[in-house]
Amino acid sequence: MSVVAARAGAPTRAATPDPGTIKGTVTTTAAPATGPIKVTINENVCGQTQPDPSVVVGNGGGLANGVVTISGTRASAATMITVTNQQCRFAPHVQVARPGATLRITSEDQILHTTHAYAEDERTLFNIALPLPSISFARPLERARLVRLACDTHPWMRGFVVLTEEIAAVTAPDGSFVLSNVPPGTHELRFWHERFKAAPQKVTVTSDGTAEVKIRAQESLVVSR
């Protein structure tokens, strides 16, 4: 806890509570994606099949590639994030960023890719062609929204960037997540996933403390495409 010393005769300032941490796991009883996706073009680079990244479930039912946000909080300053066209997939599949961040787009594959970004209303935000590996472009991510990434050449390729002012984290392959620098108090956690949903959940964080939470996700009738 941060304490400010007062001069003699001056009013004492209240101690500033230190931020805390939320650690948790998102789980589901759903099975992983049913099977690989058949590749129909550039098999020499992409292979005959590609794994389906939409439902990645680890040991114990941990659900990967979800985003947990703390409603009403404010994250640290915007930074640059990178999405790479890698073995005919967008890597990473899901990211979070603050509005005002810059998205760096690059490729490692010796084939033509595009990174076509869509808003939730299917409006094109930008469409970048990457005909060669090791070249890169940068585009601004200007406001809070969900951005869907697609490749016009390879229809199975998709990725997502969740742009939010709030403190947020992406779940790991085992479903775990960590939210740092959380103001003390009671907060509401919200969850996003391209195929799953979960009810908002309350959690209380103490000064310099760590709160633990478990979130149960279930398949949603509304799927992000």
C-alpha atoms as a PDB file:
ATOM      1  CA  MET A   1       0.000   0.000   0.000  1.00  0.00           C
ATOM      2  CA  SER A   2       1.368   3.406  -0.961  1.00  0.00           C
ATOM      3  CA  VAL A   3       1.436   5.956   1.890  1.00  0.00           C
ATOM      4  CA  VAL A   4       2.121   9.674   1.475  1.00  0.00           C
ATOM      5  CA  ALA A   5       3.896  11.339   4.432  1.00  0.00           C
ATOM      6  CA  ALA A   6       2.282  14.550   5.694  1.00  0.00           C
ATOM      7  CA  ARG A   7       4.139  17.724   6.752  1.00  0.00           C
ATOM      8  CA  ALA A   8       3.711  18.879  10.346  1.00  0.00           C
ATOM      9  CA  GLY A   9       0.392  20.634  10.714  1.00  0.00           C
ATOM     10  CA  ALA A  10      -0.797  19.556   7.232  1.00  0.00           C
ATOM     11  CA  PRO A  11      -3.835  17.278   6.803  1.00  0.00           C
ATOM     12  CA  THR A  12      -2.976  13.608   6.381  1.00  0.00           C
ATOM     13  CA  ARG A  13      -3.660  12.160   2.945  1.00  0.00           C
ATOM     14  CA  ALA A  14      -5.302   8.778   2.791  1.00  0.00           C
ATOM     15  CA  ALA A  15      -3.168   5.843   1.788  1.00  0.00           C
ATOM     16  CA  THR A  16      -3.532   4.796  -1.862  1.00  0.00           C
ATOM     17  CA  PRO A  17      -4.546   1.140  -2.148  1.00  0.00           C
ATOM     18  CA  ASP A  18      -2.299  -0.968  -4.332  1.00  0.00           C
ATOM     19  CA  PRO A  19      -3.812  -2.761  -7.334  1.00  0.00           C
ATOM     20  CA  GLY A  20      -4.535  -6.454  -7.163  1.00  0.00           C
ATOM     21  CA  THR A  21      -4.672  -9.417  -9.536  1.00  0.00           C
ATOM     22  CA  ILE A  22      -7.361 -11.748 -10.822  1.00  0.00           C
ATOM     23  CA  LYS A  23      -6.335 -15.260 -11.792  1.00  0.00           C
ATOM     24  CA  GLY A  24      -8.822 -17.676 -13.276  1.00  0.00           C
ATOM     25  CA  THR A  25      -9.735 -20.456 -15.643  1.00  0.00           C
ATOM     26  CA  VAL A  26     -12.430 -20.724 -18.287  1.00  0.00           C
ATOM     27  CA  THR A  27     -13.716 -24.279 -18.752  1.00  0.00           C
ATOM     28  CA  THR A  28     -16.318 -26.051 -20.832  1.00  0.00           C
ATOM     29  CA  THR A  29     -17.780 -29.522 -21.100  1.00  0.00           C
ATOM     30  CA  ALA A  30     -17.809 -29.256 -24.906  1.00  0.00           C
ATOM     31  CA  ALA A  31     -15.506 -31.407 -26.991  1.00  0.00           C
ATOM     32  CA  PRO A  32     -12.687 -29.872 -29.064  1.00  0.00           C
ATOM     33  CA  ALA A  33     -13.328 -29.080 -32.725  1.00  0.00           C
ATOM     34  CA  THR A  34     -14.483 -32.215 -34.521  1.00  0.00           C
ATOM     35  CA  GLY A  35     -11.608 -32.490 -36.951  1.00  0.00           C
ATOM     36  CA  PRO A  36      -9.118 -30.761 -39.219  1.00  0.00           C
ATOM     37  CA  ILE A  37     -10.113 -28.442 -42.048  1.00  0.00           C
ATOM     38  CA  LYS A  38      -9.406 -29.698 -45.567  1.00  0.00           C
ATOM     39  CA  VAL A  39      -6.981 -27.489 -47.501  1.00  0.00           C
ATOM     40  CA  THR A  40      -8.029 -26.723 -51.078  1.00  0.00           C
ATOM     41  CA  ILE A  41      -5.195 -24.471 -52.304  1.00  0.00           C
ATOM     42  CA  ASN A  42      -1.400 -24.177 -51.870  1.00  0.00           C
ATOM     43  CA  GLU A  43      -1.169 -27.608 -50.270  1.00  0.00           C
ATOM     44  CA  ASN A  44       2.617 -27.554 -50.765  1.00  0.00           C
ATOM     45  CA  VAL A  45       2.838 -24.789 -48.140  1.00  0.00           C
ATOM     46  CA  CYS A  46      -0.363 -25.177 -46.131  1.00  0.00           C
ATOM     47  CA  GLY A  47      -0.437 -28.977 -45.945  1.00  0.00           C
ATOM     48  CA  GLN A  48      -3.375 -31.241 -46.687  1.00  0.00           C
ATOM     49  CA  THR A  49      -5.319 -30.164 -43.595  1.00  0.00           C
ATOM     50  CA  GLN A  50      -5.347 -27.373 -41.025  1.00  0.00           C
ATOM     51  CA  PRO A  51      -6.367 -27.566 -37.352  1.00  0.00           C
ATOM     52  CA  ASP A  52      -9.648 -25.846 -36.499  1.00  0.00           C
ATOM     53  CA  PRO A  53      -8.793 -23.048 -34.010  1.00  0.00           C
ATOM     54  CA  SER A  54     -12.404 -22.189 -33.181  1.00  0.00           C
ATOM     55  CA  VAL A  55     -12.731 -24.718 -30.334  1.00  0.00           C
ATOM     56  CA  VAL A  56      -9.461 -25.501 -28.543  1.00  0.00           C
ATOM     57  CA  VAL A  57     -10.131 -27.426 -25.335  1.00  0.00           C
ATOM     58  CA  GLY A  58      -7.245 -28.548 -23.139  1.00  0.00           C
ATOM     59  CA  ASN A  59      -6.906 -31.053 -20.328  1.00  0.00           C
ATOM     60  CA  GLY A  60      -9.573 -30.540 -17.705  1.00  0.00           C
ATOM     61  CA  GLY A  61     -11.829 -28.739 -20.160  1.00  0.00           C
ATOM     62  CA  GLY A  62      -9.864 -25.473 -20.285  1.00  0.00           C
ATOM     63  CA  LEU A  63     -11.066 -23.287 -23.168  1.00  0.00           C
ATOM     64  CA  ALA A  64      -8.444 -21.374 -25.161  1.00  0.00           C
ATOM     65  CA  ASN A  65      -8.780 -18.200 -27.228  1.00  0.00           C
ATOM     66  CA  GLY A  66     -11.435 -16.537 -25.101  1.00  0.00           C
ATOM     67  CA  VAL A  67     -11.229 -12.945 -23.853  1.00  0.00           C
ATOM     68  CA  VAL A  68     -12.024 -11.972 -20.266  1.00  0.00           C
ATOM     69  CA  THR A  69     -12.583  -8.261 -19.591  1.00  0.00           C
ATOM     70  CA  ILE A  70     -13.188  -6.299 -16.387  1.00  0.00           C
ATOM     71  CA  SER A  71     -16.174  -4.042 -16.945  1.00  0.00           C
ATOM     72  CA  GLY A  72     -15.643  -0.375 -16.142  1.00  0.00           C
ATOM     73  CA  THR A  73     -11.847  -0.493 -15.782  1.00  0.00           C
ATOM     74  CA  ARG A  74      -9.216   1.174 -17.917  1.00  0.00           C
ATOM     75  CA  ALA A  75      -6.195  -0.641 -19.297  1.00  0.00           C
ATOM     76  CA  SER A  76      -2.683   0.753 -19.742  1.00  0.00           C
ATOM     77  CA  ALA A  77      -1.639   2.780 -22.776  1.00  0.00           C
ATOM     78  CA  ALA A  78      -2.088   1.460 -26.308  1.00  0.00           C
ATOM     79  CA  THR A  79       0.828  -0.389 -27.878  1.00  0.00           C
ATOM     80  CA  MET A  80       1.684  -2.218 -31.095  1.00  0.00           C
ATOM     81  CA  ILE A  81       0.484  -5.788 -31.654  1.00  0.00           C
ATOM     82  CA  THR A  82       1.481  -8.139 -34.470  1.00  0.00           C
ATOM     83  CA  VAL A  83      -0.443 -10.701 -36.488  1.00  0.00           C
ATOM     84  CA  THR A  84       1.588 -13.104 -38.631  1.00  0.00           C
ATOM     85  CA  ASN A  85       0.422 -15.191 -41.587  1.00  0.00           C
ATOM     86  CA  GLN A  86       2.178 -18.366 -40.464  1.00  0.00           C
ATOM     87  CA  GLN A  87       1.735 -21.796 -42.065  1.00  0.00           C
ATOM     88  CA  CYS A  88      -1.549 -20.569 -43.542  1.00  0.00           C
ATOM     89  CA  ARG A  89      -2.936 -19.471 -40.160  1.00  0.00           C
ATOM     90  CA  PHE A  90      -3.207 -16.141 -38.385  1.00  0.00           C
ATOM     91  CA  ALA A  91      -0.916 -16.171 -35.352  1.00  0.00           C
ATOM     92  CA  PRO A  92      -2.024 -15.491 -32.741  1.00  0.00           C
ATOM     93  CA  HIS A  93      -5.623 -16.492 -33.402  1.00  0.00           C
ATOM     94  CA  VAL A  94      -7.051 -14.022 -30.847  1.00  0.00           C
ATOM     95  CA  GLN A  95      -5.534 -10.832 -29.406  1.00  0.00           C
ATOM     96  CA  VAL A  96      -6.628  -7.911 -27.254  1.00  0.00           C
ATOM     97  CA  ALA A  97      -5.532  -4.304 -27.675  1.00  0.00           C
ATOM     98  CA  ARG A  98      -6.478  -0.790 -26.641  1.00  0.00           C
ATOM     99  CA  PRO A  99      -8.092   1.523 -29.198  1.00  0.00           C
ATOM    100  CA  GLY A 100      -5.291   3.626 -30.642  1.00  0.00           C
ATOM    101  CA  ALA A 101      -2.932   0.669 -30.893  1.00  0.00           C
ATOM    102  CA  THR A 102      -1.148  -0.186 -34.140  1.00  0.00           C
ATOM    103  CA  LEU A 103      -1.534  -3.574 -35.824  1.00  0.00           C
ATOM    104  CA  ARG A 104       1.619  -4.817 -37.558  1.00  0.00           C
ATOM    105  CA  ILE A 105       0.826  -7.340 -40.307  1.00  0.00           C
ATOM    106  CA  THR A 106       3.451  -9.695 -41.673  1.00  0.00           C
ATOM    107  CA  SER A 107       3.908 -13.128 -43.262  1.00  0.00           C
ATOM    108  CA  GLU A 108       6.310 -16.061 -43.058  1.00  0.00           C
ATOM    109  CA  ASP A 109       4.839 -18.013 -46.007  1.00  0.00           C
ATOM    110  CA  GLN A 110       6.168 -18.167 -49.583  1.00  0.00           C
ATOM    111  CA  ILE A 111       2.682 -17.648 -51.037  1.00  0.00           C
ATOM    112  CA  LEU A 112       0.177 -14.828 -51.464  1.00  0.00           C
ATOM    113  CA  HIS A 113      -1.879 -14.021 -48.374  1.00  0.00           C
ATOM    114  CA  THR A 114      -4.238 -11.176 -47.629  1.00  0.00           C
ATOM    115  CA  THR A 115      -5.155  -9.798 -44.230  1.00  0.00           C
ATOM    116  CA  HIS A 116      -8.719  -8.571 -44.691  1.00  0.00           C
ATOM    117  CA  ALA A 117     -10.105  -6.859 -41.590  1.00  0.00           C
ATOM    118  CA  TYR A 118     -13.864  -6.612 -41.028  1.00  0.00           C
ATOM    119  CA  ALA A 119     -15.933  -4.714 -38.479  1.00  0.00           C
ATOM    120  CA  GLU A 120     -18.850  -6.489 -36.785  1.00  0.00           C
ATOM    121  CA  ASP A 121     -21.233  -5.135 -39.425  1.00  0.00           C
ATOM    122  CA  GLU A 122     -19.073  -6.814 -42.130  1.00  0.00           C
ATOM    123  CA  ARG A 123     -17.717  -3.468 -43.321  1.00  0.00           C
ATOM    124  CA  THR A 124     -14.124  -3.666 -44.591  1.00  0.00           C
ATOM    125  CA  LEU A 125     -11.650  -1.785 -42.392  1.00  0.00           C
ATOM    126  CA  PHE A 126      -8.588  -2.593 -44.514  1.00  0.00           C
ATOM    127  CA  ASN A 127      -7.328  -5.310 -46.871  1.00  0.00           C
ATOM    128  CA  ILE A 128      -3.580  -5.891 -47.142  1.00  0.00           C
ATOM    129  CA  ALA A 129      -1.925  -8.193 -49.716  1.00  0.00           C
ATOM    130  CA  LEU A 130       1.282  -9.925 -48.655  1.00  0.00           C
ATOM    131  CA  PRO A 131       2.784 -11.600 -51.741  1.00  0.00           C
ATOM    132  CA  LEU A 132       6.164 -12.293 -50.122  1.00  0.00           C
ATOM    133  CA  PRO A 133       7.411 -13.283 -46.671  1.00  0.00           C
ATOM    134  CA  SER A 134       9.209 -10.839 -44.382  1.00  0.00           C
ATOM    135  CA  ILE A 135       7.381  -7.738 -45.596  1.00  0.00           C
ATOM    136  CA  SER A 136       5.153  -5.932 -43.138  1.00  0.00           C
ATOM    137  CA  PHE A 137       2.522  -3.219 -42.989  1.00  0.00           C
ATOM    138  CA  ALA A 138       1.044  -1.241 -40.112  1.00  0.00           C
ATOM    139  CA  ARG A 139      -2.544  -0.135 -39.680  1.00  0.00           C
ATOM    140  CA  PRO A 140      -4.153   1.859 -36.819  1.00  0.00           C
ATOM    141  CA  LEU A 141      -6.851   0.302 -34.657  1.00  0.00           C
ATOM    142  CA  GLU A 142      -8.876   3.352 -33.840  1.00  0.00           C
ATOM    143  CA  ARG A 143     -11.858   2.492 -31.635  1.00  0.00           C
ATOM    144  CA  ALA A 144     -13.362  -0.155 -29.374  1.00  0.00           C
ATOM    145  CA  ARG A 145     -14.858  -3.010 -31.381  1.00  0.00           C
ATOM    146  CA  LEU A 146     -14.388  -6.613 -32.480  1.00  0.00           C
ATOM    147  CA  VAL A 147     -12.213  -6.930 -35.588  1.00  0.00           C
ATOM    148  CA  ARG A 148     -12.394 -10.146 -37.611  1.00  0.00           C
ATOM    149  CA  LEU A 149      -9.457 -11.105 -39.830  1.00  0.00           C
ATOM    150  CA  ALA A 150      -9.786 -13.229 -42.967  1.00  0.00           C
ATOM    151  CA  CYS A 151      -7.619 -14.228 -45.914  1.00  0.00           C
ATOM    152  CA  ASP A 152      -9.246 -13.848 -49.338  1.00  0.00           C
ATOM    153  CA  THR A 153      -6.972 -16.569 -50.761  1.00  0.00           C
ATOM    154  CA  HIS A 154      -7.364 -19.166 -48.016  1.00  0.00           C
ATOM    155  CA  PRO A 155     -10.972 -19.279 -46.752  1.00  0.00           C
ATOM    156  CA  TRP A 156     -10.244 -21.297 -43.588  1.00  0.00           C
ATOM    157  CA  MET A 157      -7.955 -18.572 -42.197  1.00  0.00           C
ATOM    158  CA  ARG A 158      -9.549 -16.377 -39.541  1.00  0.00           C
ATOM    159  CA  GLY A 159      -8.460 -14.389 -36.528  1.00  0.00           C
ATOM    160  CA  PHE A 160      -9.830 -11.809 -34.110  1.00  0.00           C
ATOM    161  CA  VAL A 161      -8.687  -8.645 -32.359  1.00  0.00           C
ATOM    162  CA  VAL A 162     -10.788  -7.455 -29.424  1.00  0.00           C
ATOM    163  CA  LEU A 163     -10.318  -3.705 -29.052  1.00  0.00           C
ATOM    164  CA  THR A 164     -11.318  -2.515 -25.599  1.00  0.00           C
ATOM    165  CA  GLU A 165     -10.481   0.265 -23.164  1.00  0.00           C
ATOM    166  CA  GLU A 166     -10.927  -2.202 -20.305  1.00  0.00           C
ATOM    167  CA  ILE A 167      -8.407  -4.497 -18.636  1.00  0.00           C
ATOM    168  CA  ALA A 168      -8.536  -7.754 -20.598  1.00  0.00           C
ATOM    169  CA  ALA A 169      -6.689 -11.017 -21.193  1.00  0.00           C
ATOM    170  CA  VAL A 170      -6.798 -13.924 -23.653  1.00  0.00           C
ATOM    171  CA  THR A 171      -7.196 -17.414 -22.210  1.00  0.00           C
ATOM    172  CA  ALA A 172      -4.223 -19.740 -22.647  1.00  0.00           C
ATOM    173  CA  PRO A 173      -4.360 -23.276 -24.126  1.00  0.00           C
ATOM    174  CA  ASP A 174      -5.337 -24.610 -20.669  1.00  0.00           C
ATOM    175  CA  GLY A 175      -8.055 -21.956 -20.259  1.00  0.00           C
ATOM    176  CA  SER A 176      -6.133 -19.926 -17.686  1.00  0.00           C
ATOM    177  CA  PHE A 177      -5.873 -16.141 -17.624  1.00  0.00           C
ATOM    178  CA  VAL A 178      -4.331 -13.388 -15.489  1.00  0.00           C
ATOM    179  CA  LEU A 179      -5.646  -9.836 -15.136  1.00  0.00           C
ATOM    180  CA  SER A 180      -3.107  -7.490 -13.538  1.00  0.00           C
ATOM    181  CA  ASN A 181      -3.188  -3.957 -12.088  1.00  0.00           C
ATOM    182  CA  VAL A 182      -6.821  -4.313 -11.036  1.00  0.00           C
ATOM    183  CA  PRO A 183      -8.202  -1.537  -8.790  1.00  0.00           C
ATOM    184  CA  PRO A 184      -9.422  -2.893  -5.419  1.00  0.00           C
ATOM    185  CA  GLY A 185     -13.157  -3.387  -5.234  1.00  0.00           C
ATOM    186  CA  THR A 186     -15.919  -5.562  -6.637  1.00  0.00           C
ATOM    187  CA  HIS A 187     -15.848  -5.943 -10.413  1.00  0.00           C
ATOM    188  CA  GLU A 188     -17.851  -7.670 -13.115  1.00  0.00           C
ATOM    189  CA  LEU A 189     -16.048 -10.031 -15.475  1.00  0.00           C
ATOM    190  CA  ARG A 190     -17.338 -10.432 -19.028  1.00  0.00           C
ATOM    191  CA  PHE A 191     -16.375 -13.124 -21.505  1.00  0.00           C
ATOM    192  CA  TRP A 192     -16.093 -13.257 -25.305  1.00  0.00           C
ATOM    193  CA  HIS A 193     -15.356 -16.228 -27.562  1.00  0.00           C
ATOM    194  CA  GLU A 194     -16.106 -16.810 -31.224  1.00  0.00           C
ATOM    195  CA  ARG A 195     -18.160 -19.923 -30.421  1.00  0.00           C
ATOM    196  CA  PHE A 196     -18.926 -19.796 -26.677  1.00  0.00           C
ATOM    197  CA  LYS A 197     -20.600 -17.547 -24.133  1.00  0.00           C
ATOM    198  CA  ALA A 198     -20.587 -17.210 -20.337  1.00  0.00           C
ATOM    199  CA  ALA A 199     -22.659 -15.260 -17.838  1.00  0.00           C
ATOM    200  CA  PRO A 200     -21.079 -12.125 -16.302  1.00  0.00           C
ATOM    201  CA  GLN A 201     -19.443 -12.897 -12.970  1.00  0.00           C
ATOM    202  CA  LYS A 202     -18.675 -10.749  -9.919  1.00  0.00           C
ATOM    203  CA  VAL A 203     -15.285 -10.876  -8.202  1.00  0.00           C
ATOM    204  CA  THR A 204     -13.835  -8.843  -5.317  1.00  0.00           C
ATOM    205  CA  VAL A 205     -10.198  -7.743  -5.393  1.00  0.00           C
ATOM    206  CA  THR A 206      -8.349  -6.504  -2.301  1.00  0.00           C
ATOM    207  CA  SER A 207      -5.364  -4.165  -2.173  1.00  0.00           C
ATOM    208  CA  ASP A 208      -2.254  -6.058  -3.340  1.00  0.00           C
ATOM    209  CA  GLY A 209      -4.311  -9.266  -3.237  1.00  0.00           C
ATOM    210  CA  THR A 210      -5.034 -12.040  -5.726  1.00  0.00           C
ATOM    211  CA  ALA A 211      -8.588 -13.170  -6.380  1.00  0.00           C
ATOM    212  CA  GLU A 212      -9.274 -16.511  -8.046  1.00  0.00           C
ATOM    213  CA  VAL A 213     -12.281 -17.243 -10.218  1.00  0.00           C
ATOM    214  CA  LYS A 214     -13.655 -20.027 -12.398  1.00  0.00           C
ATOM    215  CA  ILE A 215     -15.818 -19.293 -15.442  1.00  0.00           C
ATOM    216  CA  ARG A 216     -17.958 -21.940 -17.111  1.00  0.00           C
ATOM    217  CA  ALA A 217     -18.579 -21.384 -20.838  1.00  0.00           C
ATOM    218  CA  GLN A 218     -21.206 -22.975 -23.045  1.00  0.00           C
ATOM    219  CA  GLU A 219     -21.702 -23.022 -26.803  1.00  0.00           C
ATOM    220  CA  SER A 220     -23.473 -19.984 -28.187  1.00  0.00           C
ATOM    221  CA  LEU A 221     -26.170 -19.844 -30.848  1.00  0.00           C
ATOM    222  CA  VAL A 222     -24.458 -16.709 -32.223  1.00  0.00           C
ATOM    223  CA  VAL A 223     -21.097 -17.489 -33.814  1.00  0.00           C
ATOM    224  CA  SER A 224     -18.512 -14.872 -34.867  1.00  0.00           C
ATOM    225  CA  ARG A 225     -17.524 -15.349 -38.497  1.00  0.00           C
END
